[in-house]
PDB file of N, CA and C in Angstrom:
ATOM      1  N   MET A   1       0.840  -1.176   0.017  1.00  0.00           N
ATOM      2  CA  MET A   1       0.004  -0.007  -0.010  1.00  0.00           C
ATOM      3  C   MET A   1       0.884   1.222   0.020  1.00  0.00           C
ATOM      4  N   SER A   2       0.438   2.213  -0.737  1.00  0.00           N
ATOM      5  CA  SER A   2       1.182   3.495  -0.723  1.00  0.00           C
ATOM      6  C   SER A   2       1.197   4.186   0.610  1.00  0.00           C
ATOM      7  N   ILE A   3       2.091   5.059   0.799  1.00  0.00           N
ATOM      8  CA  ILE A   3       2.233   5.854   2.030  1.00  0.00           C
ATOM      9  C   ILE A   3       0.945   6.693   2.208  1.00  0.00           C
ATOM     10  N   ILE A   4       0.519   7.442   1.086  1.00  0.00           N
ATOM     11  CA  ILE A   4      -0.640   8.220   1.136  1.00  0.00           C
ATOM     12  C   ILE A   4      -1.917   7.430   1.402  1.00  0.00           C
ATOM     13  N   ALA A   5      -2.086   6.270   0.734  1.00  0.00           N
ATOM     14  CA  ALA A   5      -3.293   5.455   0.928  1.00  0.00           C
ATOM     15  C   ALA A   5      -3.324   4.951   2.375  1.00  0.00           C
ATOM     16  N   ALA A   6      -2.167   4.577   2.927  1.00  0.00           N
ATOM     17  CA  ALA A   6      -2.130   4.107   4.302  1.00  0.00           C
ATOM     18  C   ALA A   6      -2.458   5.223   5.269  1.00  0.00           C
ATOM     19  N   TYR A   7      -1.943   6.452   5.037  1.00  0.00           N
ATOM     20  CA  TYR A   7      -2.187   7.583   5.837  1.00  0.00           C
ATOM     21  C   TYR A   7      -3.700   7.902   5.789  1.00  0.00           C
ATOM     22  N   ASN A   8      -4.271   7.947   4.591  1.00  0.00           N
ATOM     23  CA  ASN A   8      -5.712   8.284   4.483  1.00  0.00           C
ATOM     24  C   ASN A   8      -6.601   7.295   5.224  1.00  0.00           C
ATOM     25  N   GLU A   9      -6.274   6.013   5.094  1.00  0.00           N
ATOM     26  CA  GLU A   9      -7.055   4.919   5.794  1.00  0.00           C
ATOM     27  C   GLU A   9      -6.936   5.106   7.277  1.00  0.00           C
ATOM     28  N   ALA A  10      -5.699   5.331   7.778  1.00  0.00           N
ATOM     29  CA  ALA A  10      -5.521   5.506   9.215  1.00  0.00           C
ATOM     30  C   ALA A  10      -6.218   6.735   9.713  1.00  0.00           C
ATOM     31  N   TRP A  11      -6.204   7.815   8.970  1.00  0.00           N
ATOM     32  CA  TRP A  11      -6.844   9.101   9.309  1.00  0.00           C
ATOM     33  C   TRP A  11      -8.319   8.868   9.413  1.00  0.00           C
ATOM     34  N   ASP A  12      -8.909   8.281   8.381  1.00  0.00           N
ATOM     35  CA  ASP A  12     -10.345   8.054   8.334  1.00  0.00           C
ATOM     36  C   ASP A  12     -10.851   7.149   9.424  1.00  0.00           C
ATOM     37  N   ASN A  13      -9.967   6.225   9.827  1.00  0.00           N
ATOM     38  CA  ASN A  13     -10.395   5.264  10.969  1.00  0.00           C
ATOM     39  C   ASN A  13      -9.969   5.758  12.380  1.00  0.00           C
ATOM     40  N   GLY A  14      -9.361   6.925  12.453  1.00  0.00           N
ATOM     41  CA  GLY A  14      -8.903   7.453  13.747  1.00  0.00           C
ATOM     42  C   GLY A  14      -7.797   6.557  14.366  1.00  0.00           C
ATOM     43  N   ASP A  15      -7.048   5.924  13.502  1.00  0.00           N
ATOM     44  CA  ASP A  15      -6.014   4.988  13.970  1.00  0.00           C
ATOM     45  C   ASP A  15      -4.711   5.722  14.231  1.00  0.00           C
ATOM     46  N   VAL A  16      -4.590   6.294  15.431  1.00  0.00           N
ATOM     47  CA  VAL A  16      -3.452   7.123  15.771  1.00  0.00           C
ATOM     48  C   VAL A  16      -2.147   6.280  15.836  1.00  0.00           C
ATOM     49  N   GLU A  17      -2.293   4.997  16.208  1.00  0.00           N
ATOM     50  CA  GLU A  17      -1.068   4.196  16.283  1.00  0.00           C
ATOM     51  C   GLU A  17      -0.476   3.966  14.944  1.00  0.00           C
ATOM     52  N   THR A  18      -1.302   3.684  13.938  1.00  0.00           N
ATOM     53  CA  THR A  18      -0.744   3.551  12.579  1.00  0.00           C
ATOM     54  C   THR A  18      -0.256   4.855  12.083  1.00  0.00           C
ATOM     55  N   LEU A  19      -0.915   5.960  12.315  1.00  0.00           N
ATOM     56  CA  LEU A  19      -0.448   7.308  11.867  1.00  0.00           C
ATOM     57  C   LEU A  19       0.919   7.561  12.472  1.00  0.00           C
ATOM     58  N   ALA A  20       1.132   7.174  13.697  1.00  0.00           N
ATOM     59  CA  ALA A  20       2.423   7.317  14.371  1.00  0.00           C
ATOM     60  C   ALA A  20       3.542   6.672  13.598  1.00  0.00           C
ATOM     61  N   THR A  21       3.298   5.498  12.982  1.00  0.00           N
ATOM     62  CA  THR A  21       4.262   4.832  12.225  1.00  0.00           C
ATOM     63  C   THR A  21       4.471   5.406  10.860  1.00  0.00           C
ATOM     64  N   LEU A  22       3.495   6.072  10.335  1.00  0.00           N
ATOM     65  CA  LEU A  22       3.632   6.680   8.979  1.00  0.00           C
ATOM     66  C   LEU A  22       4.200   8.101   9.011  1.00  0.00           C
ATOM     67  N   ILE A  23       4.152   8.758  10.117  1.00  0.00           N
ATOM     68  CA  ILE A  23       4.687  10.135  10.271  1.00  0.00           C
ATOM     69  C   ILE A  23       5.996  10.112  10.912  1.00  0.00           C
ATOM     70  N   HIS A  24       6.983  10.695  10.241  1.00  0.00           N
ATOM     71  CA  HIS A  24       8.384  10.804  10.749  1.00  0.00           C
ATOM     72  C   HIS A  24       8.440  11.566  12.020  1.00  0.00           C
ATOM     73  N   ASP A  25       9.328  11.236  12.905  1.00  0.00           N
ATOM     74  CA  ASP A  25       9.440  11.980  14.164  1.00  0.00           C
ATOM     75  C   ASP A  25       9.783  13.479  13.945  1.00  0.00           C
ATOM     76  N   ASP A  26      10.432  13.765  12.818  1.00  0.00           N
ATOM     77  CA  ASP A  26      10.859  15.137  12.579  1.00  0.00           C
ATOM     78  C   ASP A  26       9.894  15.873  11.570  1.00  0.00           C
ATOM     79  N   CYS A  27       8.642  15.293  11.398  1.00  0.00           N
ATOM     80  CA  CYS A  27       7.742  15.810  10.425  1.00  0.00           C
ATOM     81  C   CYS A  27       7.332  17.230  10.811  1.00  0.00           C
ATOM     82  N   VAL A  28       7.195  18.064   9.739  1.00  0.00           N
ATOM     83  CA  VAL A  28       6.694  19.425   9.852  1.00  0.00           C
ATOM     84  C   VAL A  28       5.489  19.533   8.920  1.00  0.00           C
ATOM     85  N   PHE A  29       4.314  19.955   9.437  1.00  0.00           N
ATOM     86  CA  PHE A  29       3.139  20.122   8.689  1.00  0.00           C
ATOM     87  C   PHE A  29       2.714  21.573   8.683  1.00  0.00           C
ATOM     88  N   ASN A  30       2.640  22.178   7.466  1.00  0.00           N
ATOM     89  CA  ASN A  30       2.245  23.522   7.277  1.00  0.00           C
ATOM     90  C   ASN A  30       0.899  23.606   6.669  1.00  0.00           C
ATOM     91  N   PRO A  31      -0.210  23.658   7.496  1.00  0.00           N
ATOM     92  CA  PRO A  31      -1.526  23.641   6.869  1.00  0.00           C
ATOM     93  C   PRO A  31      -1.806  25.061   6.283  1.00  0.00           C
ATOM     94  N   HIS A  32      -2.840  25.060   5.527  1.00  0.00           N
ATOM     95  CA  HIS A  32      -3.263  26.270   4.700  1.00  0.00           C
ATOM     96  C   HIS A  32      -3.947  27.312   5.548  1.00  0.00           C
ATOM     97  N   VAL A  33      -4.204  27.110   6.741  1.00  0.00           N
ATOM     98  CA  VAL A  33      -4.893  28.099   7.625  1.00  0.00           C
ATOM     99  C   VAL A  33      -4.006  28.514   8.786  1.00  0.00           C
ATOM    100  N   GLY A  34      -4.119  29.747   9.193  1.00  0.00           N
ATOM    101  CA  GLY A  34      -3.610  30.173  10.468  1.00  0.00           C
ATOM    102  C   GLY A  34      -2.100  30.465  10.513  1.00  0.00           C
ATOM    103  N   GLY A  35      -1.353  30.231   9.485  1.00  0.00           N
ATOM    104  CA  GLY A  35       0.041  30.541   9.473  1.00  0.00           C
ATOM    105  C   GLY A  35       0.797  29.717  10.574  1.00  0.00           C
ATOM    106  N   ILE A  36       0.328  28.560  10.895  1.00  0.00           N
ATOM    107  CA  ILE A  36       0.920  27.790  11.935  1.00  0.00           C
ATOM    108  C   ILE A  36       1.785  26.663  11.307  1.00  0.00           C
ATOM    109  N   THR A  37       2.641  26.041  12.140  1.00  0.00           N
ATOM    110  CA  THR A  37       3.367  24.861  11.776  1.00  0.00           C
ATOM    111  C   THR A  37       3.095  23.830  12.834  1.00  0.00           C
ATOM    112  N   MET A  38       2.844  22.650  12.441  1.00  0.00           N
ATOM    113  CA  MET A  38       2.470  21.528  13.383  1.00  0.00           C
ATOM    114  C   MET A  38       3.619  20.473  13.272  1.00  0.00           C
ATOM    115  N   SER A  39       3.824  19.779  14.428  1.00  0.00           N
ATOM    116  CA  SER A  39       4.752  18.751  14.578  1.00  0.00           C
ATOM    117  C   SER A  39       3.955  17.413  14.511  1.00  0.00           C
ATOM    118  N   LYS A  40       4.714  16.325  14.634  1.00  0.00           N
ATOM    119  CA  LYS A  40       4.138  14.988  14.646  1.00  0.00           C
ATOM    120  C   LYS A  40       3.165  14.853  15.828  1.00  0.00           C
ATOM    121  N   SER A  41       3.546  15.311  16.976  1.00  0.00           N
ATOM    122  CA  SER A  41       2.668  15.191  18.123  1.00  0.00           C
ATOM    123  C   SER A  41       1.357  16.051  17.942  1.00  0.00           C
ATOM    124  N   ASP A  42       1.454  17.190  17.293  1.00  0.00           N
ATOM    125  CA  ASP A  42       0.337  18.021  17.047  1.00  0.00           C
ATOM    126  C   ASP A  42      -0.657  17.316  16.095  1.00  0.00           C
ATOM    127  N   ILE A  43      -0.041  16.679  15.062  1.00  0.00           N
ATOM    128  CA  ILE A  43      -0.898  15.931  14.132  1.00  0.00           C
ATOM    129  C   ILE A  43      -1.630  14.807  14.734  1.00  0.00           C
ATOM    130  N   LEU A  44      -0.868  14.055  15.598  1.00  0.00           N
ATOM    131  CA  LEU A  44      -1.467  12.885  16.241  1.00  0.00           C
ATOM    132  C   LEU A  44      -2.568  13.328  17.191  1.00  0.00           C
ATOM    133  N   GLY A  45      -2.321  14.407  17.875  1.00  0.00           N
ATOM    134  CA  GLY A  45      -3.307  14.923  18.820  1.00  0.00           C
ATOM    135  C   GLY A  45      -4.609  15.416  18.125  1.00  0.00           C
ATOM    136  N   PHE A  46      -4.386  16.015  16.967  1.00  0.00           N
ATOM    137  CA  PHE A  46      -5.549  16.438  16.110  1.00  0.00           C
ATOM    138  C   PHE A  46      -6.280  15.271  15.627  1.00  0.00           C
ATOM    139  N   ALA A  47      -5.618  14.233  15.148  1.00  0.00           N
ATOM    140  CA  ALA A  47      -6.226  13.006  14.618  1.00  0.00           C
ATOM    141  C   ALA A  47      -7.022  12.273  15.670  1.00  0.00           C
ATOM    142  N   GLY A  48      -6.572  12.320  16.913  1.00  0.00           N
ATOM    143  CA  GLY A  48      -7.155  11.568  17.981  1.00  0.00           C
ATOM    144  C   GLY A  48      -8.202  12.358  18.720  1.00  0.00           C
ATOM    145  N   GLY A  49      -8.448  13.594  18.337  1.00  0.00           N
ATOM    146  CA  GLY A  49      -9.393  14.515  19.039  1.00  0.00           C
ATOM    147  C   GLY A  49     -10.795  14.315  18.607  1.00  0.00           C
ATOM    148  N   ASN A  50     -11.656  15.085  19.224  1.00  0.00           N
ATOM    149  CA  ASN A  50     -13.108  15.041  18.905  1.00  0.00           C
ATOM    150  C   ASN A  50     -13.473  15.909  17.730  1.00  0.00           C
ATOM    151  N   SER A  51     -12.574  16.762  17.210  1.00  0.00           N
ATOM    152  CA  SER A  51     -12.936  17.607  16.115  1.00  0.00           C
ATOM    153  C   SER A  51     -12.137  17.297  14.886  1.00  0.00           C
ATOM    154  N   THR A  52     -11.842  15.997  14.695  1.00  0.00           N
ATOM    155  CA  THR A  52     -11.063  15.588  13.505  1.00  0.00           C
ATOM    156  C   THR A  52     -11.941  15.747  12.228  1.00  0.00           C
ATOM    157  N   PRO A  53     -11.334  16.461  11.270  1.00  0.00           N
ATOM    158  CA  PRO A  53     -12.038  16.545   9.967  1.00  0.00           C
ATOM    159  C   PRO A  53     -12.137  15.169   9.297  1.00  0.00           C
ATOM    160  N   ASN A  54     -13.172  14.986   8.492  1.00  0.00           N
ATOM    161  CA  ASN A  54     -13.224  13.751   7.706  1.00  0.00           C
ATOM    162  C   ASN A  54     -13.196  14.170   6.259  1.00  0.00           C
ATOM    163  N   SER A  55     -12.770  13.199   5.421  1.00  0.00           N
ATOM    164  CA  SER A  55     -12.576  13.491   3.996  1.00  0.00           C
ATOM    165  C   SER A  55     -13.300  12.502   3.153  1.00  0.00           C
ATOM    166  N   GLU A  56     -13.529  12.890   1.892  1.00  0.00           N
ATOM    167  CA  GLU A  56     -14.128  11.977   0.878  1.00  0.00           C
ATOM    168  C   GLU A  56     -13.452  12.234  -0.421  1.00  0.00           C
ATOM    169  N   HIS A  57     -13.703  11.346  -1.348  1.00  0.00           N
ATOM    170  CA  HIS A  57     -13.134  11.448  -2.720  1.00  0.00           C
ATOM    171  C   HIS A  57     -11.576  11.626  -2.692  1.00  0.00           C
ATOM    172  N   ASN A  58     -10.954  10.870  -1.766  1.00  0.00           N
ATOM    173  CA  ASN A  58      -9.479  10.936  -1.682  1.00  0.00           C
ATOM    174  C   ASN A  58      -8.905  10.393  -2.928  1.00  0.00           C
ATOM    175  N   ARG A  59      -7.932  11.136  -3.524  1.00  0.00           N
ATOM    176  CA  ARG A  59      -7.248  10.787  -4.746  1.00  0.00           C
ATOM    177  C   ARG A  59      -5.788  11.004  -4.560  1.00  0.00           C
ATOM    178  N   ILE A  60      -4.981  10.053  -5.038  1.00  0.00           N
ATOM    179  CA  ILE A  60      -3.562  10.211  -5.033  1.00  0.00           C
ATOM    180  C   ILE A  60      -3.171  10.623  -6.543  1.00  0.00           C
ATOM    181  N   LEU A  61      -2.733  11.844  -6.695  1.00  0.00           N
ATOM    182  CA  LEU A  61      -2.467  12.410  -7.988  1.00  0.00           C
ATOM    183  C   LEU A  61      -1.068  11.931  -8.453  1.00  0.00           C
ATOM    184  N   PHE A  62      -0.116  11.803  -7.511  1.00  0.00           N
ATOM    185  CA  PHE A  62       1.214  11.386  -7.841  1.00  0.00           C
ATOM    186  C   PHE A  62       1.860  10.872  -6.553  1.00  0.00           C
ATOM    187  N   GLU A  63       2.677   9.848  -6.679  1.00  0.00           N
ATOM    188  CA  GLU A  63       3.458   9.325  -5.500  1.00  0.00           C
ATOM    189  C   GLU A  63       4.604   8.504  -5.962  1.00  0.00           C
ATOM    190  N   ASN A  64       5.772   8.819  -5.454  1.00  0.00           N
ATOM    191  CA  ASN A  64       6.946   7.966  -5.597  1.00  0.00           C
ATOM    192  C   ASN A  64       7.684   7.802  -4.250  1.00  0.00           C
ATOM    193  N   ASP A  65       8.842   7.380  -4.225  1.00  0.00           N
ATOM    194  CA  ASP A  65       9.551   7.224  -2.937  1.00  0.00           C
ATOM    195  C   ASP A  65       9.940   8.524  -2.220  1.00  0.00           C
ATOM    196  N   GLU A  66       9.890   9.660  -2.961  1.00  0.00           N
ATOM    197  CA  GLU A  66      10.330  10.880  -2.429  1.00  0.00           C
ATOM    198  C   GLU A  66       9.217  11.901  -2.041  1.00  0.00           C
ATOM    199  N   VAL A  67       8.143  11.940  -2.957  1.00  0.00           N
ATOM    200  CA  VAL A  67       7.081  12.890  -2.776  1.00  0.00           C
ATOM    201  C   VAL A  67       5.762  12.296  -3.129  1.00  0.00           C
ATOM    202  N   GLY A  68       4.674  13.002  -2.682  1.00  0.00           N
ATOM    203  CA  GLY A  68       3.350  12.602  -3.014  1.00  0.00           C
ATOM    204  C   GLY A  68       2.426  13.833  -3.132  1.00  0.00           C
ATOM    205  N   VAL A  69       1.421  13.727  -3.975  1.00  0.00           N
ATOM    206  CA  VAL A  69       0.440  14.818  -4.095  1.00  0.00           C
ATOM    207  C   VAL A  69      -0.924  14.127  -4.077  1.00  0.00           C
ATOM    208  N   ALA A  70      -1.798  14.673  -3.173  1.00  0.00           N
ATOM    209  CA  ALA A  70      -3.126  14.168  -3.005  1.00  0.00           C
ATOM    210  C   ALA A  70      -4.160  15.216  -3.024  1.00  0.00           C
ATOM    211  N   HIS A  71      -5.452  14.827  -3.268  1.00  0.00           N
ATOM    212  CA  HIS A  71      -6.540  15.752  -3.262  1.00  0.00           C
ATOM    213  C   HIS A  71      -7.756  15.114  -2.630  1.00  0.00           C
ATOM    214  N   SER A  72      -8.475  15.892  -1.875  1.00  0.00           N
ATOM    215  CA  SER A  72      -9.690  15.329  -1.263  1.00  0.00           C
ATOM    216  C   SER A  72     -10.667  16.442  -0.889  1.00  0.00           C
ATOM    217  N   ILE A  73     -11.915  16.110  -0.595  1.00  0.00           N
ATOM    218  CA  ILE A  73     -12.858  17.049  -0.122  1.00  0.00           C
ATOM    219  C   ILE A  73     -12.899  16.831   1.409  1.00  0.00           C
ATOM    220  N   VAL A  74     -12.720  17.892   2.154  1.00  0.00           N
ATOM    221  CA  VAL A  74     -12.602  17.809   3.611  1.00  0.00           C
ATOM    222  C   VAL A  74     -13.774  18.496   4.250  1.00  0.00           C
ATOM    223  N   HIS A  75     -14.369  17.823   5.217  1.00  0.00           N
ATOM    224  CA  HIS A  75     -15.505  18.359   6.015  1.00  0.00           C
ATOM    225  C   HIS A  75     -15.039  18.542   7.453  1.00  0.00           C
ATOM    226  N   PHE A  76     -15.280  19.653   8.010  1.00  0.00           N
ATOM    227  CA  PHE A  76     -14.727  20.010   9.364  1.00  0.00           C
ATOM    228  C   PHE A  76     -15.869  19.825  10.403  1.00  0.00           C
ATOM    229  N   ALA A  77     -15.442  19.299  11.466  1.00  0.00           N
ATOM    230  CA  ALA A  77     -16.389  18.996  12.654  1.00  0.00           C
ATOM    231  C   ALA A  77     -16.957  20.292  13.323  1.00  0.00           C
ATOM    232  N   ASN A  78     -16.305  21.384  13.105  1.00  0.00           N
ATOM    233  CA  ASN A  78     -16.721  22.657  13.724  1.00  0.00           C
ATOM    234  C   ASN A  78     -17.836  23.329  12.914  1.00  0.00           C
ATOM    235  N   GLY A  79     -18.303  22.730  11.829  1.00  0.00           N
ATOM    236  CA  GLY A  79     -19.354  23.331  11.055  1.00  0.00           C
ATOM    237  C   GLY A  79     -18.943  24.287   9.987  1.00  0.00           C
ATOM    238  N   SER A  80     -17.678  24.526   9.862  1.00  0.00           N
ATOM    239  CA  SER A  80     -17.185  25.473   8.826  1.00  0.00           C
ATOM    240  C   SER A  80     -17.391  24.825   7.460  1.00  0.00           C
ATOM    241  N   ASP A  81     -17.257  25.614   6.432  1.00  0.00           N
ATOM    242  CA  ASP A  81     -17.495  25.121   5.065  1.00  0.00           C
ATOM    243  C   ASP A  81     -16.501  24.075   4.686  1.00  0.00           C
ATOM    244  N   SER A  82     -16.927  23.171   3.858  1.00  0.00           N
ATOM    245  CA  SER A  82     -15.991  22.093   3.325  1.00  0.00           C
ATOM    246  C   SER A  82     -15.052  22.739   2.355  1.00  0.00           C
ATOM    247  N   GLU A  83     -13.942  22.111   2.201  1.00  0.00           N
ATOM    248  CA  GLU A  83     -12.911  22.575   1.293  1.00  0.00           C
ATOM    249  C   GLU A  83     -12.409  21.476   0.406  1.00  0.00           C
ATOM    250  N   ALA A  84     -11.961  21.832  -0.800  1.00  0.00           N
ATOM    251  CA  ALA A  84     -11.221  20.955  -1.657  1.00  0.00           C
ATOM    252  C   ALA A  84      -9.744  21.185  -1.303  1.00  0.00           C
ATOM    253  N   VAL A  85      -9.052  20.165  -0.775  1.00  0.00           N
ATOM    254  CA  VAL A  85      -7.747  20.307  -0.244  1.00  0.00           C
ATOM    255  C   VAL A  85      -6.720  19.544  -1.098  1.00  0.00           C
ATOM    256  N   MET A  86      -5.630  20.204  -1.400  1.00  0.00           N
ATOM    257  CA  MET A  86      -4.468  19.653  -2.094  1.00  0.00           C
ATOM    258  C   MET A  86      -3.394  19.553  -1.104  1.00  0.00           C
ATOM    259  N   SER A  87      -2.730  18.304  -1.064  1.00  0.00           N
ATOM    260  CA  SER A  87      -1.658  18.093  -0.114  1.00  0.00           C
ATOM    261  C   SER A  87      -0.429  17.689  -0.888  1.00  0.00           C
ATOM    262  N   PHE A  88       0.696  18.271  -0.488  1.00  0.00           N
ATOM    263  CA  PHE A  88       1.998  17.917  -0.963  1.00  0.00           C
ATOM    264  C   PHE A  88       2.830  17.331   0.146  1.00  0.00           C
ATOM    265  N   MET A  89       3.399  16.164   0.028  1.00  0.00           N
ATOM    266  CA  MET A  89       4.119  15.525   1.003  1.00  0.00           C
ATOM    267  C   MET A  89       5.538  15.121   0.528  1.00  0.00           C
ATOM    268  N   ARG A  90       6.411  15.205   1.447  1.00  0.00           N
ATOM    269  CA  ARG A  90       7.804  14.609   1.180  1.00  0.00           C
ATOM    270  C   ARG A  90       7.978  13.441   2.080  1.00  0.00           C
ATOM    271  N   PHE A  91       8.690  12.420   1.560  1.00  0.00           N
ATOM    272  CA  PHE A  91       8.916  11.183   2.387  1.00  0.00           C
ATOM    273  C   PHE A  91      10.420  11.055   2.652  1.00  0.00           C
ATOM    274  N   LYS A  92      10.636  10.440   3.822  1.00  0.00           N
ATOM    275  CA  LYS A  92      11.973  10.042   4.229  1.00  0.00           C
ATOM    276  C   LYS A  92      11.854   8.736   4.967  1.00  0.00           C
ATOM    277  N   ASP A  93      12.669   7.779   4.550  1.00  0.00           N
ATOM    278  CA  ASP A  93      12.656   6.451   5.215  1.00  0.00           C
ATOM    279  C   ASP A  93      11.316   5.826   5.231  1.00  0.00           C
ATOM    280  N   GLY A  94      10.479   6.031   4.193  1.00  0.00           N
ATOM    281  CA  GLY A  94       9.158   5.436   4.097  1.00  0.00           C
ATOM    282  C   GLY A  94       8.100   6.116   4.946  1.00  0.00           C
ATOM    283  N   GLN A  95       8.419   7.321   5.454  1.00  0.00           N
ATOM    284  CA  GLN A  95       7.444   8.016   6.330  1.00  0.00           C
ATOM    285  C   GLN A  95       7.260   9.495   5.807  1.00  0.00           C
ATOM    286  N   ILE A  96       6.247  10.145   6.241  1.00  0.00           N
ATOM    287  CA  ILE A  96       5.981  11.517   5.867  1.00  0.00           C
ATOM    288  C   ILE A  96       6.881  12.427   6.716  1.00  0.00           C
ATOM    289  N   ILE A  97       7.737  13.168   6.060  1.00  0.00           N
ATOM    290  CA  ILE A  97       8.675  14.095   6.785  1.00  0.00           C
ATOM    291  C   ILE A  97       8.174  15.531   6.730  1.00  0.00           C
ATOM    292  N   SER A  98       7.411  15.808   5.635  1.00  0.00           N
ATOM    293  CA  SER A  98       6.771  17.166   5.613  1.00  0.00           C
ATOM    294  C   SER A  98       5.539  17.077   4.776  1.00  0.00           C
ATOM    295  N   MET A  99       4.609  17.950   5.164  1.00  0.00           N
ATOM    296  CA  MET A  99       3.314  18.057   4.468  1.00  0.00           C
ATOM    297  C   MET A  99       2.882  19.487   4.422  1.00  0.00           C
ATOM    298  N   GLU A 100       2.297  19.913   3.342  1.00  0.00           N
ATOM    299  CA  GLU A 100       1.782  21.229   3.191  1.00  0.00           C
ATOM    300  C   GLU A 100       0.442  21.127   2.426  1.00  0.00           C
ATOM    301  N   THR A 101      -0.547  21.948   2.826  1.00  0.00           N
ATOM    302  CA  THR A 101      -1.811  21.916   2.136  1.00  0.00           C
ATOM    303  C   THR A 101      -2.180  23.258   1.561  1.00  0.00           C
ATOM    304  N   GLY A 102      -3.067  23.223   0.531  1.00  0.00           N
ATOM    305  CA  GLY A 102      -3.686  24.339  -0.035  1.00  0.00           C
ATOM    306  C   GLY A 102      -5.136  23.998  -0.195  1.00  0.00           C
ATOM    307  N   ALA A 103      -6.017  25.013  -0.109  1.00  0.00           N
ATOM    308  CA  ALA A 103      -7.421  24.608  -0.187  1.00  0.00           C
ATOM    309  C   ALA A 103      -8.255  25.652  -0.895  1.00  0.00           C
ATOM    310  N   THR A 104      -9.351  25.160  -1.456  1.00  0.00           N
ATOM    311  CA  THR A 104     -10.379  26.053  -2.091  1.00  0.00           C
ATOM    312  C   THR A 104     -11.666  25.808  -1.396  1.00  0.00           C
ATOM    313  N   PRO A 105     -12.254  26.896  -0.852  1.00  0.00           N
ATOM    314  CA  PRO A 105     -13.519  26.762  -0.139  1.00  0.00           C
ATOM    315  C   PRO A 105     -14.620  26.392  -1.153  1.00  0.00           C
ATOM    316  N   LEU A 106     -15.620  25.629  -0.610  1.00  0.00           N
ATOM    317  CA  LEU A 106     -16.717  25.130  -1.443  1.00  0.00           C
ATOM    318  C   LEU A 106     -18.053  25.866  -1.283  1.00  0.00           C
ATOM    319  N   SER A 107     -17.979  27.135  -0.791  1.00  0.00           N
ATOM    320  CA  SER A 107     -19.232  27.932  -0.736  1.00  0.00           C
ATOM    321  C   SER A 107     -18.895  29.359  -1.047  1.00  0.00           C
ATOM    322  N   ASP A 108     -19.932  30.134  -1.442  1.00  0.00           N
ATOM    323  CA  ASP A 108     -19.670  31.532  -1.839  1.00  0.00           C
ATOM    324  C   ASP A 108     -19.431  32.455  -0.666  1.00  0.00           C
ATOM    325  N   ASP A 109     -19.991  32.042   0.526  1.00  0.00           N
ATOM    326  CA  ASP A 109     -19.902  32.886   1.689  1.00  0.00           C
ATOM    327  C   ASP A 109     -18.780  32.372   2.653  1.00  0.00           C
ATOM    328  N   TYR A 110     -17.789  31.675   2.126  1.00  0.00           N
ATOM    329  CA  TYR A 110     -16.759  31.071   2.921  1.00  0.00           C
ATOM    330  C   TYR A 110     -15.979  32.160   3.726  1.00  0.00           C
ATOM    331  N   LYS A 111     -15.664  31.691   4.951  1.00  0.00           N
ATOM    332  CA  LYS A 111     -14.941  32.628   5.827  1.00  0.00           C
ATOM    333  C   LYS A 111     -13.817  31.787   6.479  1.00  0.00           C
ATOM    334  N   LEU A 112     -12.594  32.257   6.405  1.00  0.00           N
ATOM    335  CA  LEU A 112     -11.399  31.543   6.908  1.00  0.00           C
ATOM    336  C   LEU A 112     -11.632  31.416   8.465  1.00  0.00           C
ATOM    337  N   ILE A 113     -11.480  30.224   8.954  1.00  0.00           N
ATOM    338  CA  ILE A 113     -11.648  30.013  10.386  1.00  0.00           C
ATOM    339  C   ILE A 113     -10.631  30.902  11.159  1.00  0.00           C
ATOM    340  N   GLY A 114     -11.067  31.653  12.130  1.00  0.00           N
ATOM    341  CA  GLY A 114     -10.197  32.519  12.921  1.00  0.00           C
ATOM    342  C   GLY A 114      -9.956  33.845  12.391  1.00  0.00           C
ATOM    343  N   SER A 115     -10.546  34.217  11.204  1.00  0.00           N
ATOM    344  CA  SER A 115     -10.333  35.508  10.692  1.00  0.00           C
ATOM    345  C   SER A 115     -11.586  36.340  10.870  1.00  0.00           C
ATOM    346  N   ASP A 116     -11.456  37.663  10.847  1.00  0.00           N
ATOM    347  CA  ASP A 116     -12.601  38.577  10.934  1.00  0.00           C
ATOM    348  C   ASP A 116     -13.177  38.980   9.591  1.00  0.00           C
ATOM    349  N   GLN A 117     -12.570  38.458   8.595  1.00  0.00           N
ATOM    350  CA  GLN A 117     -12.977  38.887   7.257  1.00  0.00           C
ATOM    351  C   GLN A 117     -14.169  38.178   6.708  1.00  0.00           C
TER     352      GLN A 117
END
């Protein structure tokens, strides 16, 4: 199974133990919101929490031993608008060492979470 497919399956099942094996200890995640950077422990805490987003239509657009690109529709537990999310990942030693996302909101009245705009 590909790294991205395994990650998506573990995320969808809330399988934090498997996610821990797929995410490198030095992983850096730069999500598309809030200008924050997350570590492996942040990602695992988010995945194991009560407000974990869920996704559908997961697609792997490209993957090799070094990088992967994926796309999905993500629905957020806090009731905010769903987004079409593109993820770029780098791999090291068969694990995700970095991840960055970009997103397109799926409603006309979309408001970035945490912004006053």
